[in-house]
Amino acid sequence: MPSRPLYNETHQHRDGAPTAYESLLGDALERAFAMGIHDLEGLVAYLNASGPTGPNGQAWTPALYQQEMARLGA
């Protein structure tokens, strides 16, 4: 038995499995973070160079990235 009570983090209870797009985006962000890219401009540049493209095939911009992260985190 665990020494502290069990609980769920918000990200642990999803309605379903991640979509292919969400998985690709997550993988790309993990690679960027592993390369030491942590700033917004750097992440946007990395995504535009490596993919995936933004929603509806759009190029990433800082505003679009922030909007999409807010949507996915809702």
PDB file of N, CA and C in Angstrom:
ATOM      1  N   MET A   1       0.843  -1.179   0.000  1.00  0.00           N
ATOM      2  CA  MET A   1       0.000   0.000   0.000  1.00  0.00           C
ATOM      3  C   MET A   1       0.888   1.242   0.000  1.00  0.00           C
ATOM      4  N   PRO A   2       0.563   2.232  -0.876  1.00  0.00           N
ATOM      5  CA  PRO A   2       1.385   3.435  -0.954  1.00  0.00           C
ATOM      6  C   PRO A   2       1.366   4.214   0.356  1.00  0.00           C
ATOM      7  N   SER A   3       2.444   4.936   0.602  1.00  0.00           N
ATOM      8  CA  SER A   3       2.542   5.707   1.832  1.00  0.00           C
ATOM      9  C   SER A   3       1.744   7.010   1.772  1.00  0.00           C
ATOM     10  N   ARG A   4       1.353   7.426   0.582  1.00  0.00           N
ATOM     11  CA  ARG A   4       0.523   8.628   0.468  1.00  0.00           C
ATOM     12  C   ARG A   4      -0.693   8.304  -0.391  1.00  0.00           C
ATOM     13  N   PRO A   5      -1.754   9.062  -0.234  1.00  0.00           N
ATOM     14  CA  PRO A   5      -2.982   8.762  -0.983  1.00  0.00           C
ATOM     15  C   PRO A   5      -2.761   8.853  -2.500  1.00  0.00           C
ATOM     16  N   LEU A   6      -3.474   8.029  -3.228  1.00  0.00           N
ATOM     17  CA  LEU A   6      -3.420   8.058  -4.684  1.00  0.00           C
ATOM     18  C   LEU A   6      -4.271   9.200  -5.207  1.00  0.00           C
ATOM     19  N   TYR A   7      -3.854   9.774  -6.311  1.00  0.00           N
ATOM     20  CA  TYR A   7      -4.627  10.846  -6.930  1.00  0.00           C
ATOM     21  C   TYR A   7      -4.290  10.878  -8.413  1.00  0.00           C
ATOM     22  N   ASN A   8      -5.118  11.522  -9.172  1.00  0.00           N
ATOM     23  CA  ASN A   8      -4.890  11.690 -10.608  1.00  0.00           C
ATOM     24  C   ASN A   8      -4.487  13.124 -10.889  1.00  0.00           C
ATOM     25  N   GLU A   9      -3.467  13.283 -11.706  1.00  0.00           N
ATOM     26  CA  GLU A   9      -3.132  14.592 -12.231  1.00  0.00           C
ATOM     27  C   GLU A   9      -4.156  14.903 -13.321  1.00  0.00           C
ATOM     28  N   THR A  10      -4.392  16.177 -13.570  1.00  0.00           N
ATOM     29  CA  THR A  10      -5.383  16.570 -14.569  1.00  0.00           C
ATOM     30  C   THR A  10      -5.123  15.905 -15.906  1.00  0.00           C
ATOM     31  N   HIS A  11      -3.839  15.830 -16.332  1.00  0.00           N
ATOM     32  CA  HIS A  11      -3.538  15.264 -17.650  1.00  0.00           C
ATOM     33  C   HIS A  11      -3.745  13.759 -17.709  1.00  0.00           C
ATOM     34  N   GLN A  12      -3.961  13.102 -16.584  1.00  0.00           N
ATOM     35  CA  GLN A  12      -4.105  11.655 -16.581  1.00  0.00           C
ATOM     36  C   GLN A  12      -5.512  11.194 -16.931  1.00  0.00           C
ATOM     37  N   HIS A  13      -6.488  12.034 -16.805  1.00  0.00           N
ATOM     38  CA  HIS A  13      -7.825  11.580 -17.154  1.00  0.00           C
ATOM     39  C   HIS A  13      -8.287  12.293 -18.411  1.00  0.00           C
ATOM     40  N   ARG A  14      -8.150  11.556 -19.480  1.00  0.00           N
ATOM     41  CA  ARG A  14      -8.528  12.038 -20.798  1.00  0.00           C
ATOM     42  C   ARG A  14      -9.790  11.314 -21.237  1.00  0.00           C
ATOM     43  N   ASP A  15     -10.440  11.885 -22.225  1.00  0.00           N
ATOM     44  CA  ASP A  15     -11.631  11.236 -22.770  1.00  0.00           C
ATOM     45  C   ASP A  15     -11.277  10.045 -23.649  1.00  0.00           C
ATOM     46  N   GLY A  16     -10.073  10.029 -24.187  1.00  0.00           N
ATOM     47  CA  GLY A  16      -9.660   8.939 -25.057  1.00  0.00           C
ATOM     48  C   GLY A  16      -8.174   9.005 -25.314  1.00  0.00           C
ATOM     49  N   ALA A  17      -7.716   8.111 -26.137  1.00  0.00           N
ATOM     50  CA  ALA A  17      -6.296   8.079 -26.495  1.00  0.00           C
ATOM     51  C   ALA A  17      -5.950   9.312 -27.331  1.00  0.00           C
ATOM     52  N   PRO A  18      -4.688   9.748 -27.278  1.00  0.00           N
ATOM     53  CA  PRO A  18      -4.290  10.889 -28.113  1.00  0.00           C
ATOM     54  C   PRO A  18      -4.498  10.580 -29.595  1.00  0.00           C
ATOM     55  N   THR A  19      -4.824  11.608 -30.361  1.00  0.00           N
ATOM     56  CA  THR A  19      -4.932  11.438 -31.807  1.00  0.00           C
ATOM     57  C   THR A  19      -3.538  11.302 -32.395  1.00  0.00           C
ATOM     58  N   ALA A  20      -3.460  10.910 -33.649  1.00  0.00           N
ATOM     59  CA  ALA A  20      -2.163  10.814 -34.322  1.00  0.00           C
ATOM     60  C   ALA A  20      -1.472  12.180 -34.320  1.00  0.00           C
ATOM     61  N   TYR A  21      -2.223  13.239 -34.578  1.00  0.00           N
ATOM     62  CA  TYR A  21      -1.676  14.598 -34.563  1.00  0.00           C
ATOM     63  C   TYR A  21      -1.106  14.941 -33.195  1.00  0.00           C
ATOM     64  N   GLU A  22      -1.853  14.651 -32.124  1.00  0.00           N
ATOM     65  CA  GLU A  22      -1.379  14.944 -30.775  1.00  0.00           C
ATOM     66  C   GLU A  22      -0.115  14.175 -30.456  1.00  0.00           C
ATOM     67  N   SER A  23      -0.043  12.929 -30.884  1.00  0.00           N
ATOM     68  CA  SER A  23       1.163  12.125 -30.647  1.00  0.00           C
ATOM     69  C   SER A  23       2.360  12.675 -31.409  1.00  0.00           C
ATOM     70  N   LEU A  24       2.153  13.038 -32.670  1.00  0.00           N
ATOM     71  CA  LEU A  24       3.246  13.605 -33.466  1.00  0.00           C
ATOM     72  C   LEU A  24       3.726  14.923 -32.873  1.00  0.00           C
ATOM     73  N   LEU A  25       2.793  15.763 -32.467  1.00  0.00           N
ATOM     74  CA  LEU A  25       3.146  17.049 -31.872  1.00  0.00           C
ATOM     75  C   LEU A  25       3.893  16.841 -30.559  1.00  0.00           C
ATOM     76  N   GLY A  26       3.401  15.952 -29.731  1.00  0.00           N
ATOM     77  CA  GLY A  26       4.077  15.651 -28.466  1.00  0.00           C
ATOM     78  C   GLY A  26       5.481  15.125 -28.676  1.00  0.00           C
ATOM     79  N   ASP A  27       5.644  14.220 -29.629  1.00  0.00           N
ATOM     80  CA  ASP A  27       6.975  13.675 -29.931  1.00  0.00           C
ATOM     81  C   ASP A  27       7.920  14.768 -30.415  1.00  0.00           C
ATOM     82  N   ALA A  28       7.423  15.649 -31.291  1.00  0.00           N
ATOM     83  CA  ALA A  28       8.255  16.741 -31.806  1.00  0.00           C
ATOM     84  C   ALA A  28       8.672  17.677 -30.674  1.00  0.00           C
ATOM     85  N   LEU A  29       7.746  17.989 -29.781  1.00  0.00           N
ATOM     86  CA  LEU A  29       8.083  18.871 -28.660  1.00  0.00           C
ATOM     87  C   LEU A  29       9.086  18.210 -27.717  1.00  0.00           C
ATOM     88  N   GLU A  30       8.948  16.918 -27.488  1.00  0.00           N
ATOM     89  CA  GLU A  30       9.916  16.212 -26.648  1.00  0.00           C
ATOM     90  C   GLU A  30      11.309  16.272 -27.272  1.00  0.00           C
ATOM     91  N   ARG A  31      11.396  16.103 -28.597  1.00  0.00           N
ATOM     92  CA  ARG A  31      12.704  16.195 -29.272  1.00  0.00           C
ATOM     93  C   ARG A  31      13.286  17.600 -29.131  1.00  0.00           C
ATOM     94  N   ALA A  32      12.436  18.616 -29.301  1.00  0.00           N
ATOM     95  CA  ALA A  32      12.903  19.999 -29.171  1.00  0.00           C
ATOM     96  C   ALA A  32      13.417  20.253 -27.758  1.00  0.00           C
ATOM     97  N   PHE A  33      12.676  19.824 -26.749  1.00  0.00           N
ATOM     98  CA  PHE A  33      13.104  20.018 -25.369  1.00  0.00           C
ATOM     99  C   PHE A  33      14.416  19.289 -25.106  1.00  0.00           C
ATOM    100  N   ALA A  34      14.556  18.076 -25.651  1.00  0.00           N
ATOM    101  CA  ALA A  34      15.791  17.308 -25.468  1.00  0.00           C
ATOM    102  C   ALA A  34      16.986  18.005 -26.105  1.00  0.00           C
ATOM    103  N   MET A  35      16.734  18.803 -27.141  1.00  0.00           N
ATOM    104  CA  MET A  35      17.802  19.555 -27.803  1.00  0.00           C
ATOM    105  C   MET A  35      18.088  20.872 -27.080  1.00  0.00           C
ATOM    106  N   GLY A  36      17.361  21.137 -26.003  1.00  0.00           N
ATOM    107  CA  GLY A  36      17.583  22.357 -25.248  1.00  0.00           C
ATOM    108  C   GLY A  36      16.769  23.547 -25.723  1.00  0.00           C
ATOM    109  N   ILE A  37      15.804  23.297 -26.584  1.00  0.00           N
ATOM    110  CA  ILE A  37      14.945  24.376 -27.086  1.00  0.00           C
ATOM    111  C   ILE A  37      13.774  24.521 -26.120  1.00  0.00           C
ATOM    112  N   HIS A  38      13.681  25.668 -25.471  1.00  0.00           N
ATOM    113  CA  HIS A  38      12.627  25.865 -24.485  1.00  0.00           C
ATOM    114  C   HIS A  38      11.865  27.170 -24.688  1.00  0.00           C
ATOM    115  N   ASP A  39      12.375  28.069 -25.518  1.00  0.00           N
ATOM    116  CA  ASP A  39      11.699  29.346 -25.710  1.00  0.00           C
ATOM    117  C   ASP A  39      10.662  29.236 -26.834  1.00  0.00           C
ATOM    118  N   LEU A  40       9.668  30.086 -26.765  1.00  0.00           N
ATOM    119  CA  LEU A  40       8.554  30.036 -27.714  1.00  0.00           C
ATOM    120  C   LEU A  40       9.022  30.166 -29.157  1.00  0.00           C
ATOM    121  N   GLU A  41       9.861  31.143 -29.432  1.00  0.00           N
ATOM    122  CA  GLU A  41      10.342  31.348 -30.812  1.00  0.00           C
ATOM    123  C   GLU A  41      11.105  30.121 -31.305  1.00  0.00           C
ATOM    124  N   GLY A  42      11.920  29.535 -30.437  1.00  0.00           N
ATOM    125  CA  GLY A  42      12.676  28.347 -30.819  1.00  0.00           C
ATOM    126  C   GLY A  42      11.785  27.154 -31.097  1.00  0.00           C
ATOM    127  N   LEU A  43      10.758  26.963 -30.258  1.00  0.00           N
ATOM    128  CA  LEU A  43       9.824  25.851 -30.472  1.00  0.00           C
ATOM    129  C   LEU A  43       9.066  26.011 -31.782  1.00  0.00           C
ATOM    130  N   VAL A  44       8.621  27.238 -32.052  1.00  0.00           N
ATOM    131  CA  VAL A  44       7.896  27.505 -33.294  1.00  0.00           C
ATOM    132  C   VAL A  44       8.800  27.240 -34.498  1.00  0.00           C
ATOM    133  N   ALA A  45      10.028  27.700 -34.443  1.00  0.00           N
ATOM    134  CA  ALA A  45      10.974  27.467 -35.542  1.00  0.00           C
ATOM    135  C   ALA A  45      11.229  25.979 -35.722  1.00  0.00           C
ATOM    136  N   TYR A  46      11.397  25.259 -34.618  1.00  0.00           N
ATOM    137  CA  TYR A  46      11.639  23.817 -34.698  1.00  0.00           C
ATOM    138  C   TYR A  46      10.445  23.102 -35.331  1.00  0.00           C
ATOM    139  N   LEU A  47       9.235  23.425 -34.896  1.00  0.00           N
ATOM    140  CA  LEU A  47       8.053  22.773 -35.460  1.00  0.00           C
ATOM    141  C   LEU A  47       7.901  23.081 -36.946  1.00  0.00           C
ATOM    142  N   ASN A  48       8.191  24.312 -37.351  1.00  0.00           N
ATOM    143  CA  ASN A  48       8.097  24.648 -38.770  1.00  0.00           C
ATOM    144  C   ASN A  48       9.141  23.916 -39.594  1.00  0.00           C
ATOM    145  N   ALA A  49      10.288  23.614 -39.001  1.00  0.00           N
ATOM    146  CA  ALA A  49      11.346  22.903 -39.726  1.00  0.00           C
ATOM    147  C   ALA A  49      11.127  21.396 -39.741  1.00  0.00           C
ATOM    148  N   SER A  50      10.558  20.849 -38.651  1.00  0.00           N
ATOM    149  CA  SER A  50      10.480  19.398 -38.527  1.00  0.00           C
ATOM    150  C   SER A  50       9.066  18.838 -38.626  1.00  0.00           C
ATOM    151  N   GLY A  51       8.060  19.682 -38.371  1.00  0.00           N
ATOM    152  CA  GLY A  51       6.683  19.212 -38.369  1.00  0.00           C
ATOM    153  C   GLY A  51       6.326  18.670 -37.004  1.00  0.00           C
ATOM    154  N   PRO A  52       5.085  18.364 -36.805  1.00  0.00           N
ATOM    155  CA  PRO A  52       3.995  18.460 -37.760  1.00  0.00           C
ATOM    156  C   PRO A  52       3.560  19.907 -37.974  1.00  0.00           C
ATOM    157  N   THR A  53       2.830  20.112 -39.054  1.00  0.00           N
ATOM    158  CA  THR A  53       2.303  21.444 -39.305  1.00  0.00           C
ATOM    159  C   THR A  53       1.227  21.754 -38.266  1.00  0.00           C
ATOM    160  N   GLY A  54       0.875  23.012 -38.174  1.00  0.00           N
ATOM    161  CA  GLY A  54      -0.171  23.424 -37.250  1.00  0.00           C
ATOM    162  C   GLY A  54      -1.539  22.965 -37.730  1.00  0.00           C
ATOM    163  N   PRO A  55      -2.566  23.318 -36.979  1.00  0.00           N
ATOM    164  CA  PRO A  55      -3.920  22.936 -37.370  1.00  0.00           C
ATOM    165  C   PRO A  55      -4.228  23.385 -38.802  1.00  0.00           C
ATOM    166  N   ASN A  56      -4.918  22.541 -39.518  1.00  0.00           N
ATOM    167  CA  ASN A  56      -5.307  22.826 -40.910  1.00  0.00           C
ATOM    168  C   ASN A  56      -4.107  23.040 -41.819  1.00  0.00           C
ATOM    169  N   GLY A  57      -2.960  22.460 -41.457  1.00  0.00           N
ATOM    170  CA  GLY A  57      -1.769  22.556 -42.304  1.00  0.00           C
ATOM    171  C   GLY A  57      -1.070  23.895 -42.252  1.00  0.00           C
ATOM    172  N   GLN A  58      -1.426  24.729 -41.296  1.00  0.00           N
ATOM    173  CA  GLN A  58      -0.843  26.062 -41.190  1.00  0.00           C
ATOM    174  C   GLN A  58       0.593  26.001 -40.677  1.00  0.00           C
ATOM    175  N   ALA A  59       1.367  27.009 -41.062  1.00  0.00           N
ATOM    176  CA  ALA A  59       2.691  27.182 -40.462  1.00  0.00           C
ATOM    177  C   ALA A  59       2.486  27.666 -39.032  1.00  0.00           C
ATOM    178  N   TRP A  60       3.387  27.248 -38.157  1.00  0.00           N
ATOM    179  CA  TRP A  60       3.310  27.668 -36.762  1.00  0.00           C
ATOM    180  C   TRP A  60       3.742  29.117 -36.614  1.00  0.00           C
ATOM    181  N   THR A  61       3.042  29.842 -35.761  1.00  0.00           N
ATOM    182  CA  THR A  61       3.428  31.174 -35.309  1.00  0.00           C
ATOM    183  C   THR A  61       3.368  31.121 -33.788  1.00  0.00           C
ATOM    184  N   PRO A  62       3.989  32.064 -33.108  1.00  0.00           N
ATOM    185  CA  PRO A  62       3.859  32.059 -31.647  1.00  0.00           C
ATOM    186  C   PRO A  62       2.401  32.095 -31.180  1.00  0.00           C
ATOM    187  N   ALA A  63       1.582  32.916 -31.804  1.00  0.00           N
ATOM    188  CA  ALA A  63       0.172  33.006 -31.405  1.00  0.00           C
ATOM    189  C   ALA A  63      -0.563  31.695 -31.659  1.00  0.00           C
ATOM    190  N   LEU A  64      -0.319  31.064 -32.809  1.00  0.00           N
ATOM    191  CA  LEU A  64      -0.980  29.796 -33.125  1.00  0.00           C
ATOM    192  C   LEU A  64      -0.534  28.704 -32.158  1.00  0.00           C
ATOM    193  N   TYR A  65       0.749  28.664 -31.831  1.00  0.00           N
ATOM    194  CA  TYR A  65       1.259  27.679 -30.884  1.00  0.00           C
ATOM    195  C   TYR A  65       0.557  27.842 -29.532  1.00  0.00           C
ATOM    196  N   GLN A  66       0.471  29.065 -29.036  1.00  0.00           N
ATOM    197  CA  GLN A  66      -0.163  29.308 -27.740  1.00  0.00           C
ATOM    198  C   GLN A  66      -1.645  28.934 -27.783  1.00  0.00           C
ATOM    199  N   GLN A  67      -2.306  29.261 -28.871  1.00  0.00           N
ATOM    200  CA  GLN A  67      -3.722  28.922 -29.034  1.00  0.00           C
ATOM    201  C   GLN A  67      -3.911  27.411 -29.047  1.00  0.00           C
ATOM    202  N   GLU A  68      -3.061  26.707 -29.774  1.00  0.00           N
ATOM    203  CA  GLU A  68      -3.200  25.258 -29.877  1.00  0.00           C
ATOM    204  C   GLU A  68      -2.872  24.567 -28.549  1.00  0.00           C
ATOM    205  N   MET A  69      -1.883  25.051 -27.831  1.00  0.00           N
ATOM    206  CA  MET A  69      -1.564  24.471 -26.532  1.00  0.00           C
ATOM    207  C   MET A  69      -2.715  24.691 -25.558  1.00  0.00           C
ATOM    208  N   ALA A  70      -3.349  25.854 -25.610  1.00  0.00           N
ATOM    209  CA  ALA A  70      -4.512  26.115 -24.753  1.00  0.00           C
ATOM    210  C   ALA A  70      -5.665  25.196 -25.124  1.00  0.00           C
ATOM    211  N   ARG A  71      -5.881  24.980 -26.423  1.00  0.00           N
ATOM    212  CA  ARG A  71      -6.970  24.096 -26.867  1.00  0.00           C
ATOM    213  C   ARG A  71      -6.716  22.662 -26.420  1.00  0.00           C
ATOM    214  N   LEU A  72      -5.493  22.201 -26.617  1.00  0.00           N
ATOM    215  CA  LEU A  72      -5.166  20.815 -26.261  1.00  0.00           C
ATOM    216  C   LEU A  72      -5.150  20.598 -24.758  1.00  0.00           C
ATOM    217  N   GLY A  73      -4.863  21.643 -24.008  1.00  0.00           N
ATOM    218  CA  GLY A  73      -4.831  21.517 -22.563  1.00  0.00           C
ATOM    219  C   GLY A  73      -6.171  21.708 -21.886  1.00  0.00           C
ATOM    220  N   ALA A  74      -7.176  22.070 -22.669  1.00  0.00           N
ATOM    221  CA  ALA A  74      -8.505  22.326 -22.074  1.00  0.00           C
ATOM    222  C   ALA A  74      -9.181  21.055 -21.640  1.00  0.00           C
TER     223      ALA A  74
END
